[in-house]
C-alpha cells in the first residue's frame, strides 16, 4: 500500500488516534488501552489504512490459501453451548451423525487422487471418541497418506479425552504428537472472559486450560492457530483482553501461526435473539486484530462464514489468508446460517476470486511454505480443478 504517512497523520483530529498512527508507522506495539481506543473511536477508513499498511509490510499483495478438506466425526456433544447451531445433545441422537473409524477413513480415501495438502478434524465431544479412538485414527491417516498434514482437535476435545484417560496435558500432548498430528486448529477459544465463557460455553475447558494446551504443544516444537468468537454478548474490552492473552503467549512461545476471528451466527441456536454483527463491524474487528496482534504473522478470514464478497473486502482490512478450498461438505457454519451454503471452491475459482481483488494468489502448505504462486498461472480446460494425483499408501 502506497501511503504518505505524514499527510495521513495530519488529517487525524484526535490526539489519541494520531499517537496510535505514529506508533504503527514507526513499527511500534500499541497497548491494550490503545486497542480499545481503536474499537471505540477509530473510523473504518482510519482502521483500514493502518491495517492494510501492516498487511502490506508483512505480505505485500499476497493472499494465501491451501487445499484442504474438513472432517467432523460427530455433531453429537456432551456440552450444550448457547451459540452452537451445529451440535446436538446425546438425547437428540436421531438428528446427528457419528462416524466410525472406517467411515472416517473412507472419507480420507475419497481424496486420494486430489492434491489436497491438509485434513482438518474437529467435532463434538462424546465418551466413545476417546484417546484410544483418536490415536488409532491419526496413525491410520498417517500410514495411509504420510504427506497429508493432519490438523486435529481443539483443547476442548483434548481436555476431555485426557481427563477421561487420567493423563495430564503434557503426557497427553506427547501421545498426540507421536500419533501423527502436525498442528492444532484454533477452535474452542470462544471468548476468554470466564463469566461470559461459562454463560455461553459452560462445562468446556477454561481459558487458562485452552492456553496451557497450546503452550505445551508449542513447547513440543509444533504450531497452532488461534480464534475468537465475536459479535455476541462480549464487549470490546473482552475482545482486547482475549487478544492480549494470545499476544502474551505468542511472545513466550512464538507457536501461533494465524489469528482467525469467527463471527457469531444466530441461526437455530439458544442465542438467536441476538442480532449478528454487521459487515462494518466485521471489518473493524479484522483491522483491530491486525493492528494489535503485531507478533502474529497472519490474519485469516474464514470465507464460508463471511461469504466471498465480504471475505474479499476483508483483504483491505488486514487479512492475508482466506483459509482453503475446503473441498467437502463442512457443516459447522452452514448449519449456523453462513453466507456460503456450498462451502467449496475449485482451485481455479479460488484463484479467480483472489485475482478479482487485485491480489496475488499463493497456495501454501499448512505451515505457510509456498507451494505455488498463481499470479500468472493459466489453467488448462483439462485441469480446471487444479488437481493432480499424489501418491498414497494403498496398504
Protein backbone atom coordinates (compact mmCIF):
# COMPACT_ATOMS: atom_id res chain seq x y z
CA UNK A 1 0.00 0.00 0.00
CA UNK A 2 1.46 3.34 -1.03
CA UNK A 3 0.63 5.89 1.61
CA UNK A 4 2.07 9.22 2.63
CA UNK A 5 2.18 8.67 6.38
CA UNK A 6 2.79 12.31 7.28
CA UNK A 7 -0.14 13.52 5.18
CA UNK A 8 -2.40 10.84 6.65
CA UNK A 9 -1.43 11.75 10.21
CA UNK A 10 -2.02 15.48 9.59
CA UNK A 11 -5.64 14.73 8.71
CA UNK A 12 -6.32 12.99 12.04
CA UNK A 13 -8.13 15.22 14.53
CA UNK A 14 -7.92 13.04 17.64
CA UNK A 15 -4.62 13.26 19.51
CA UNK A 16 -5.04 9.66 20.72
CA UNK A 17 -5.61 8.33 17.20
CA UNK A 18 -2.73 10.42 15.91
CA UNK A 19 -0.42 8.90 18.55
CA UNK A 20 -1.52 5.39 17.58
CA UNK A 21 -0.96 6.06 13.88
CA UNK A 22 2.53 7.38 14.63
CA UNK A 23 3.27 4.17 16.54
CA UNK A 24 2.08 2.00 13.67
CA UNK A 25 4.16 3.81 11.07
CA UNK A 26 7.17 3.58 13.40
CA UNK A 27 6.66 -0.16 13.79
CA UNK A 28 5.93 0.09 17.50
CA UNK A 29 3.49 -2.00 19.55
CA UNK A 30 0.24 -0.49 20.76
CA UNK A 31 -1.13 -1.11 24.24
CA UNK A 32 -4.40 -2.85 25.14
CA UNK A 33 -5.80 0.56 26.11
CA UNK A 34 -4.95 1.89 22.65
CA UNK A 35 -6.59 -1.15 21.03
CA UNK A 36 -9.75 -0.27 22.95
CA UNK A 37 -9.48 3.28 21.64
CA UNK A 38 -9.37 1.87 18.11
CA UNK A 39 -12.60 -0.04 18.69
CA UNK A 40 -14.37 2.92 20.28
CA UNK A 41 -13.06 5.84 18.25
CA UNK A 42 -11.38 4.64 15.07
CA UNK A 43 -13.34 5.18 11.87
CA UNK A 44 -13.48 2.32 9.41
CA UNK A 45 -11.36 4.24 6.90
CA UNK A 46 -8.73 5.08 9.54
CA UNK A 47 -8.55 1.46 10.70
CA UNK A 48 -8.42 0.19 7.13
CA UNK A 49 -5.45 2.39 6.24
CA UNK A 50 -3.42 1.24 9.26
CA UNK A 51 -4.34 -2.44 8.99
CA UNK A 52 -3.66 -2.52 5.26
CA UNK A 53 -0.33 -0.77 5.82
CA UNK A 54 0.73 -3.52 8.26
CA UNK A 55 -0.57 -6.25 5.97
CA UNK A 56 1.39 -4.82 3.04
CA UNK A 57 4.59 -4.51 5.06
CA UNK A 58 4.27 -8.17 6.08
CA UNK A 59 2.93 -9.75 2.89
CA UNK A 60 2.83 -7.17 0.05
CA UNK A 61 -0.15 -8.11 -2.18
CA UNK A 62 -0.04 -11.84 -1.49
CA UNK A 63 -3.16 -13.69 -0.35
CA UNK A 64 -2.58 -17.21 0.93
CA UNK A 65 -4.80 -20.26 0.62
CA UNK A 66 -4.39 -24.01 0.86
CA UNK A 67 -6.14 -27.08 -0.50
CA UNK A 68 -7.85 -28.75 2.40
CA UNK A 69 -10.84 -30.75 3.48
CA UNK A 70 -12.69 -30.98 6.75
CA UNK A 71 -13.99 -33.99 8.62
CA UNK A 72 -16.40 -33.69 11.55
CA UNK A 73 -16.55 -37.15 13.20
CA UNK A 74 -19.76 -36.29 15.05
CA UNK A 75 -22.10 -33.41 15.78
CA UNK A 76 -23.30 -35.03 18.99
CA UNK A 77 -21.83 -33.46 22.10
CA UNK A 78 -21.96 -33.68 25.86
CA UNK A 79 -21.76 -29.87 26.02
CA UNK A 80 -24.62 -27.50 25.28
CA UNK A 81 -23.09 -24.21 24.12
CA UNK A 82 -25.63 -21.43 23.70
CA UNK A 83 -24.07 -20.14 20.48
CA UNK A 84 -23.81 -23.52 18.74
CA UNK A 85 -26.16 -24.42 15.89
CA UNK A 86 -24.12 -27.44 14.95
CA UNK A 87 -24.06 -29.88 17.86
CA UNK A 88 -26.90 -32.00 19.17
CA UNK A 89 -27.17 -33.38 22.66
CA UNK A 90 -26.96 -37.14 23.04
CA UNK A 91 -30.74 -37.28 23.65
CA UNK A 92 -31.15 -35.79 20.13
CA UNK A 93 -29.11 -38.59 18.59
CA UNK A 94 -31.55 -39.04 15.71
CA UNK A 95 -30.67 -35.54 14.48
CA UNK A 96 -26.95 -36.15 14.37
CA UNK A 97 -24.23 -38.35 12.97
CA UNK A 98 -21.47 -40.48 14.47
CA UNK A 99 -18.81 -41.67 12.06
CA UNK A 100 -16.91 -44.84 12.81
CA UNK A 101 -13.17 -45.19 12.31
CA UNK A 102 -13.77 -46.95 8.98
CA UNK A 103 -16.23 -44.28 7.81
CA UNK A 104 -13.70 -41.53 8.55
CA UNK A 105 -11.00 -43.44 6.70
CA UNK A 106 -13.38 -43.82 3.74
CA UNK A 107 -13.67 -40.01 3.65
CA UNK A 108 -9.88 -39.67 3.74
CA UNK A 109 -9.52 -42.22 0.93
CA UNK A 110 -12.05 -40.33 -1.19
CA UNK A 111 -9.40 -37.62 -1.59
CA UNK A 112 -6.63 -39.97 -2.68
CA UNK A 113 -6.43 -38.58 -6.19
CA UNK A 114 -6.71 -34.92 -5.30
CA UNK A 115 -3.77 -32.77 -4.33
CA UNK A 116 -5.25 -31.59 -1.06
CA UNK A 117 -2.48 -31.00 1.44
CA UNK A 118 -4.39 -30.81 4.73
CA UNK A 119 -7.19 -32.58 6.59
CA UNK A 120 -8.84 -30.60 9.37
CA UNK A 121 -10.59 -32.73 12.02
CA UNK A 122 -12.81 -31.28 14.75
CA UNK A 123 -16.21 -32.26 16.06
CA UNK A 124 -18.42 -32.83 19.06
CA UNK A 125 -17.27 -34.36 22.34
CA UNK A 126 -18.53 -37.86 23.15
CA UNK A 127 -17.23 -40.56 25.52
CA UNK A 128 -16.63 -43.11 22.75
CA UNK A 129 -14.37 -40.66 20.90
CA UNK A 130 -11.65 -41.19 23.44
CA UNK A 131 -7.87 -41.11 23.36
CA UNK A 132 -7.62 -44.66 22.02
CA UNK A 133 -10.06 -43.88 19.20
CA UNK A 134 -8.21 -40.78 18.07
CA UNK A 135 -4.69 -42.21 18.35
CA UNK A 136 -5.75 -45.17 16.20
CA UNK A 137 -7.40 -42.80 13.71
CA UNK A 138 -4.46 -40.43 13.47
CA UNK A 139 -1.98 -43.27 12.99
CA UNK A 140 -4.20 -44.77 10.29
CA UNK A 141 -4.41 -41.49 8.39
CA UNK A 142 -0.66 -41.02 8.53
CA UNK A 143 0.01 -44.59 7.44
CA UNK A 144 -2.37 -44.23 4.50
CA UNK A 145 -1.15 -40.83 3.36
CA UNK A 146 2.05 -39.76 5.13
CA UNK A 147 2.33 -36.42 3.35
CA UNK A 148 -1.13 -35.20 4.33
CA UNK A 149 -0.88 -32.53 7.03
CA UNK A 150 -3.08 -33.55 9.97
CA UNK A 151 -4.60 -30.60 11.83
CA UNK A 152 -6.78 -32.07 14.51
CA UNK A 153 -8.87 -31.37 17.60
CA UNK A 154 -9.17 -28.36 19.85
CA UNK A 155 -8.21 -28.02 23.52
CA UNK A 156 -11.89 -28.60 24.34
CA UNK A 157 -11.61 -32.11 22.94
CA UNK A 158 -8.13 -32.77 24.30
CA UNK A 159 -9.09 -31.59 27.79
CA UNK A 160 -11.95 -34.07 27.86
CA UNK A 161 -10.11 -37.09 26.45
CA UNK A 162 -7.03 -36.57 28.64
CA UNK A 163 -9.16 -36.25 31.75
CA UNK A 164 -11.03 -39.43 30.79
CA UNK A 165 -7.70 -41.20 30.21
CA UNK A 166 -6.34 -39.89 33.55
CA UNK A 167 -3.40 -38.16 31.86
CA UNK A 168 -2.06 -34.68 32.40
CA UNK A 169 -1.75 -32.31 29.46
CA UNK A 170 1.97 -32.90 29.00
CA UNK A 171 1.53 -36.67 28.82
CA UNK A 172 -1.47 -36.40 26.53
CA UNK A 173 0.03 -33.98 24.04
CA UNK A 174 3.16 -36.09 23.68
CA UNK A 175 0.97 -39.06 22.73
CA UNK A 176 -0.92 -36.90 20.25
CA UNK A 177 2.35 -35.77 18.69
CA UNK A 178 3.55 -39.36 18.42
CA UNK A 179 0.27 -40.40 16.77
CA UNK A 180 0.93 -38.11 13.80
CA UNK A 181 -0.87 -34.85 14.48
CA UNK A 182 1.01 -32.00 12.80
CA UNK A 183 -0.76 -28.90 14.14
CA UNK A 184 -3.73 -27.74 16.19
CA UNK A 185 -6.63 -25.67 14.87
CA UNK A 186 -7.67 -22.58 16.79
CA UNK A 187 -11.19 -23.58 17.74
CA UNK A 188 -12.70 -23.73 21.19
CA UNK A 189 -11.22 -20.43 22.33
CA UNK A 190 -14.62 -18.71 22.10
CA UNK A 191 -14.02 -15.76 24.47
CA UNK A 192 -11.58 -15.75 27.38
CA UNK A 193 -13.75 -13.72 29.77
CA UNK A 194 -14.59 -16.52 32.19
CA UNK A 195 -18.02 -15.19 33.19
CA UNK A 196 -19.15 -14.98 29.57
CA UNK A 197 -17.43 -18.26 28.77
CA UNK A 198 -19.41 -20.01 31.50
CA UNK A 199 -22.62 -18.44 30.24
CA UNK A 200 -22.28 -19.38 26.59
CA UNK A 201 -19.96 -22.42 26.77
CA UNK A 202 -20.31 -23.81 30.27
CA UNK A 203 -18.50 -27.05 31.05
CA UNK A 204 -15.77 -26.63 28.47
CA UNK A 205 -12.15 -26.17 29.41
CA UNK A 206 -11.35 -22.78 30.87
CA UNK A 207 -9.46 -20.08 29.01
CA UNK A 208 -6.40 -20.85 31.14
CA UNK A 209 -6.62 -24.53 30.17
CA UNK A 210 -7.08 -23.65 26.49
CA UNK A 211 -3.96 -21.51 26.55
CA UNK A 212 -2.00 -24.12 28.52
CA UNK A 213 -2.64 -26.87 25.98
CA UNK A 214 -1.42 -24.62 23.17
CA UNK A 215 1.63 -23.63 25.22
CA UNK A 216 2.54 -27.28 25.76
CA UNK A 217 2.05 -28.03 22.07
CA UNK A 218 4.34 -25.14 21.18
CA UNK A 219 6.95 -26.44 23.64
CA UNK A 220 6.98 -29.68 21.62
CA UNK A 221 8.10 -27.66 18.60
CA UNK A 222 4.73 -27.62 16.85
CA UNK A 223 2.44 -24.88 15.54
CA UNK A 224 -1.19 -23.98 16.13
CA UNK A 225 -3.81 -21.37 15.30
CA UNK A 226 -5.96 -19.15 17.49
CA UNK A 227 -9.52 -17.86 17.23
CA UNK A 228 -12.04 -15.61 18.90
CA UNK A 229 -15.83 -15.88 18.73
CA UNK A 230 -17.07 -12.31 18.47
CA UNK A 231 -20.33 -10.45 17.96
CA UNK A 232 -22.48 -11.94 20.73
CA UNK A 233 -22.61 -10.66 24.33
CA UNK A 234 -18.96 -9.75 24.70
CA UNK A 235 -17.68 -6.18 24.89
CA UNK A 236 -14.80 -4.51 23.13
CA UNK A 237 -12.91 -4.80 26.41
CA UNK A 238 -13.43 -8.57 26.29
CA UNK A 239 -12.09 -8.75 22.74
CA UNK A 240 -8.96 -6.80 23.68
CA UNK A 241 -8.42 -8.94 26.79
CA UNK A 242 -8.76 -12.08 24.65
CA UNK A 243 -6.22 -10.88 22.09
CA UNK A 244 -3.86 -9.63 24.77
CA UNK A 245 -3.73 -13.10 26.35
CA UNK A 246 -2.90 -14.55 22.93
CA UNK A 247 -0.28 -11.89 22.26
CA UNK A 248 1.33 -12.56 25.65
CA UNK A 249 1.55 -16.30 24.98
CA UNK A 250 2.87 -15.66 21.49
CA UNK A 251 5.63 -13.51 22.97
CA UNK A 252 6.57 -16.51 25.10
CA UNK A 253 6.35 -19.35 22.57
CA UNK A 254 6.09 -17.98 19.02
CA UNK A 255 3.95 -21.00 18.20
CA UNK A 256 0.81 -19.37 16.81
CA UNK A 257 0.64 -19.06 13.03
CA UNK A 258 -2.59 -17.20 12.39
CA UNK A 259 -5.47 -15.49 14.17
CA UNK A 260 -8.99 -16.21 12.93
CA UNK A 261 -11.88 -14.01 14.10
CA UNK A 262 -15.01 -16.17 13.94
CA UNK A 263 -18.32 -14.37 13.65
CA UNK A 264 -21.25 -15.45 15.82
CA UNK A 265 -24.12 -16.60 13.62
CA UNK A 266 -27.57 -16.69 15.18
CA UNK A 267 -29.49 -19.31 13.19
CA UNK A 268 -31.12 -22.14 15.18
CA UNK A 269 -29.34 -21.74 18.49
CA UNK A 270 -30.09 -20.53 22.02
CA UNK A 271 -28.82 -17.04 21.18
CA UNK A 272 -30.95 -16.46 18.09
CA UNK A 273 -32.39 -13.33 19.68
CA UNK A 274 -29.02 -11.57 19.48
CA UNK A 275 -28.51 -9.60 16.25
CA UNK A 276 -25.46 -10.53 14.23
CA UNK A 277 -22.50 -8.21 13.76
CA UNK A 278 -22.71 -6.02 10.66
CA UNK A 279 -20.12 -6.25 7.90
CA UNK A 280 -18.85 -2.83 9.03
CA UNK A 281 -18.15 -4.20 12.49
CA UNK A 282 -16.67 -7.36 11.00
CA UNK A 283 -14.16 -5.32 9.01
CA UNK A 284 -13.38 -3.16 12.05
CA UNK A 285 -12.67 -6.31 14.03
CA UNK A 286 -10.28 -7.66 11.40
CA UNK A 287 -8.47 -4.34 11.27
CA UNK A 288 -8.02 -4.00 15.03
CA UNK A 289 -6.86 -7.62 15.19
CA UNK A 290 -4.21 -6.94 12.55
CA UNK A 291 -3.05 -3.76 14.28
CA UNK A 292 -2.91 -5.19 17.81
CA UNK A 293 -1.51 -8.68 17.15
CA UNK A 294 1.85 -7.48 15.93
CA UNK A 295 3.53 -10.82 16.71
CA UNK A 296 1.07 -12.89 14.64
CA UNK A 297 2.23 -13.30 11.06
CA UNK A 298 -1.21 -13.93 9.61
CA UNK A 299 -4.85 -12.88 9.99
CA UNK A 300 -7.29 -15.27 8.37
CA UNK A 301 -10.85 -14.71 7.18
CA UNK A 302 -12.86 -17.91 7.03
CA UNK A 303 -14.59 -17.26 3.72
CA UNK A 304 -17.52 -19.73 4.02
CA UNK A 305 -18.60 -17.88 7.17
CA UNK A 306 -18.34 -14.38 5.68
CA UNK A 307 -19.28 -15.10 2.10
CA UNK A 308 -16.97 -14.49 -0.83
CA UNK A 309 -17.64 -10.78 -1.31
CA UNK A 310 -17.21 -9.91 2.36
CA UNK A 311 -14.10 -12.07 2.57
CA UNK A 312 -12.62 -10.15 -0.35
CA UNK A 313 -13.44 -6.86 1.40
CA UNK A 314 -11.53 -8.07 4.45
CA UNK A 315 -8.35 -8.18 2.35
CA UNK A 316 -8.29 -4.38 2.64
CA UNK A 317 -8.54 -4.56 6.43
CA UNK A 318 -5.51 -6.60 7.39
CA UNK A 319 -6.46 -10.10 6.22
CA UNK A 320 -3.86 -12.01 4.19
CA UNK A 321 -5.29 -15.56 4.30
CA UNK A 322 -8.66 -16.88 3.12
CA UNK A 323 -8.22 -20.42 4.51
CA UNK A 324 -8.67 -23.07 1.84
CA UNK A 325 -10.70 -24.62 -0.91
CA UNK A 326 -12.45 -26.60 1.88
CA UNK A 327 -13.42 -29.23 -0.63
CA UNK A 328 -16.07 -31.02 1.40
CA UNK A 329 -19.50 -30.59 2.94
CA UNK A 330 -18.41 -28.98 6.20
CA UNK A 331 -21.48 -28.34 8.28
CA UNK A 332 -20.49 -26.22 11.28
CA UNK A 333 -21.16 -22.84 9.70
CA UNK A 334 -23.73 -23.84 7.10
CA UNK A 335 -25.95 -25.04 9.95
CA UNK A 336 -25.46 -21.71 11.72
CA UNK A 337 -26.55 -19.60 8.76
CA UNK A 338 -23.28 -18.90 6.95
CA UNK A 339 -23.22 -16.92 3.73
CA UNK A 340 -21.99 -19.94 1.74
CA UNK A 341 -24.28 -22.95 1.77
CA UNK A 342 -21.95 -24.94 -0.50
CA UNK A 343 -18.59 -24.05 1.06
CA UNK A 344 -16.17 -25.44 -1.51
CA UNK A 345 -14.34 -23.97 -4.47
CA UNK A 346 -12.11 -25.42 -7.13
CA UNK A 347 -8.57 -24.10 -7.21
CA UNK A 348 -9.36 -22.10 -10.35
CA UNK A 349 -12.39 -20.48 -8.68
CA UNK A 350 -10.34 -19.65 -5.61
CA UNK A 351 -7.54 -18.12 -7.67
CA UNK A 352 -10.00 -16.09 -9.76
CA UNK A 353 -11.66 -14.82 -6.59
CA UNK A 354 -8.37 -13.53 -5.20
CA UNK A 355 -7.32 -12.04 -8.54
CA UNK A 356 -10.61 -10.12 -8.67
CA UNK A 357 -9.44 -8.21 -5.59
CA UNK A 358 -6.22 -7.22 -7.38
CA UNK A 359 -4.21 -9.53 -5.09
CA UNK A 360 -1.70 -12.27 -5.83
CA UNK A 361 -2.96 -15.78 -5.02
CA UNK A 362 -0.37 -18.05 -3.44
CA UNK A 363 -1.02 -21.64 -2.46
CA UNK A 364 0.65 -22.54 0.84
CA UNK A 365 1.00 -25.64 2.90
CA UNK A 366 -0.23 -25.74 6.49
CA UNK A 367 2.95 -24.11 7.83
CA UNK A 368 2.91 -21.32 5.25
CA UNK A 369 5.59 -22.69 2.98
CA UNK A 370 4.79 -21.67 -0.59
CA UNK A 371 3.66 -24.47 -2.89
CA UNK A 372 2.73 -22.44 -5.97
CA UNK A 373 2.41 -18.80 -6.97
CA UNK A 374 -0.74 -18.45 -9.11
CA UNK A 375 -0.20 -14.80 -10.04
CA UNK A 376 0.32 -15.58 -13.72
CA UNK A 377 -0.76 -19.22 -13.77
CA UNK A 378 -3.05 -20.26 -16.61
CA UNK A 379 -5.45 -23.15 -16.01
CA UNK A 380 -5.99 -25.63 -18.81
CA UNK A 381 -9.51 -26.80 -19.60
CA UNK A 382 -8.42 -30.36 -18.93
CA UNK A 383 -7.29 -29.48 -15.42
CA UNK A 384 -9.67 -26.71 -14.37
CA UNK A 385 -9.96 -28.13 -10.89
CA UNK A 386 -6.26 -27.60 -10.32
CA UNK A 387 -5.98 -31.17 -9.06
CA UNK A 388 -3.32 -33.71 -9.88
CA UNK A 389 -2.63 -37.14 -8.46
CA UNK A 390 -0.49 -37.63 -5.36
CA UNK A 391 0.84 -40.95 -4.14
CA UNK A 392 -0.82 -42.61 -1.19
CA UNK A 393 -0.09 -45.76 0.73
CA UNK A 394 -2.65 -48.26 -0.54
CA UNK A 395 -1.76 -50.92 2.03
